Amino acid sequence: MSRKDPAAGRFAAIQITRLVGVACVALGITIATDRLLPGLPGWVGYILIANGLLDVFVIPPILIRKWRTPK
């Protein structure tokens, strides 16, 4: 029986958070510029952009600090 390293799962969670953030920013830009789903109001795209930027720049450092190995 093998044990998984918890750091591998945490690393994957951080990277997936960043990837989802980039996808939200891209989707938000396409919605805000009326290139995708033109019936939606522009503010929906701006909310997605803000959410994506938080997912890329704010959430990963918080997770890294939370999961840091104690010294």
Protein backbone atom coordinates (compact mmCIF):
# COMPACT_ATOMS: atom_id res chain seq x y z
CA MET A 1 0.00 0.00 0.00
CA SER A 2 1.46 3.34 -1.03
CA ARG A 3 0.77 6.69 0.58
CA LYS A 4 0.31 9.81 -1.48
CA ASP A 5 2.31 12.84 -0.58
CA PRO A 6 -0.10 15.53 0.68
CA ALA A 7 2.11 18.18 -0.93
CA ALA A 8 1.30 16.78 -4.38
CA GLY A 9 -2.43 17.24 -3.83
CA ARG A 10 -1.92 20.73 -2.46
CA PHE A 11 0.28 21.69 -5.40
CA ALA A 12 -2.39 20.40 -7.79
CA ALA A 13 -5.10 22.37 -5.98
CA ILE A 14 -3.08 25.59 -6.24
CA GLN A 15 -2.37 25.07 -9.94
CA ILE A 16 -6.01 24.21 -10.71
CA THR A 17 -7.09 27.38 -8.86
CA ARG A 18 -4.75 29.43 -11.05
CA LEU A 19 -5.94 27.70 -14.22
CA VAL A 20 -9.60 28.29 -13.37
CA GLY A 21 -8.74 31.93 -12.68
CA VAL A 22 -7.15 32.37 -16.10
CA ALA A 23 -10.19 30.71 -17.70
CA CYS A 24 -12.51 33.08 -15.83
CA VAL A 25 -10.54 36.10 -17.01
CA ALA A 26 -10.64 34.90 -20.63
CA LEU A 27 -14.36 34.14 -20.43
CA GLY A 28 -15.03 37.48 -18.75
CA ILE A 29 -13.18 39.37 -21.46
CA THR A 30 -15.13 37.63 -24.22
CA ILE A 31 -18.42 38.33 -22.44
CA ALA A 32 -17.56 41.98 -21.66
CA THR A 33 -16.68 42.63 -25.32
CA ASP A 34 -19.91 40.95 -26.57
CA ARG A 35 -18.04 38.27 -28.50
CA LEU A 36 -19.62 35.44 -26.52
CA LEU A 37 -23.24 35.39 -25.35
CA PRO A 38 -24.05 38.91 -26.60
CA GLY A 39 -27.31 39.00 -24.63
CA LEU A 40 -25.53 39.10 -21.29
CA PRO A 41 -24.83 42.49 -19.72
CA GLY A 42 -21.22 43.64 -19.64
CA TRP A 43 -21.06 43.64 -15.84
CA VAL A 44 -21.24 39.84 -15.84
CA GLY A 45 -17.97 39.78 -17.75
CA TYR A 46 -16.38 42.25 -15.36
CA ILE A 47 -17.42 40.13 -12.37
CA LEU A 48 -15.81 37.09 -14.01
CA ILE A 49 -12.64 39.07 -14.69
CA ALA A 50 -12.45 40.21 -11.06
CA ASN A 51 -13.10 36.68 -9.81
CA GLY A 52 -10.43 35.29 -12.12
CA LEU A 53 -7.85 37.84 -11.00
CA LEU A 54 -8.54 36.92 -7.39
CA ASP A 55 -8.12 33.24 -8.25
CA VAL A 56 -4.78 33.91 -9.92
CA PHE A 57 -3.18 36.47 -7.62
CA VAL A 58 -4.84 36.34 -4.17
CA ILE A 59 -6.05 32.81 -3.40
CA PRO A 60 -2.82 30.86 -4.16
CA PRO A 61 -0.63 32.84 -1.72
CA ILE A 62 -3.30 32.38 0.96
CA LEU A 63 -3.32 28.62 0.36
CA ILE A 64 0.48 28.49 0.32
CA ARG A 65 0.64 30.30 3.68
CA LYS A 66 -2.06 28.07 5.14
CA TRP A 67 -0.37 24.84 4.00
CA ARG A 68 3.21 25.87 4.79
CA THR A 69 5.17 23.30 6.75
CA PRO A 70 5.84 24.57 10.27
CA LYS A 71 9.47 25.23 11.09
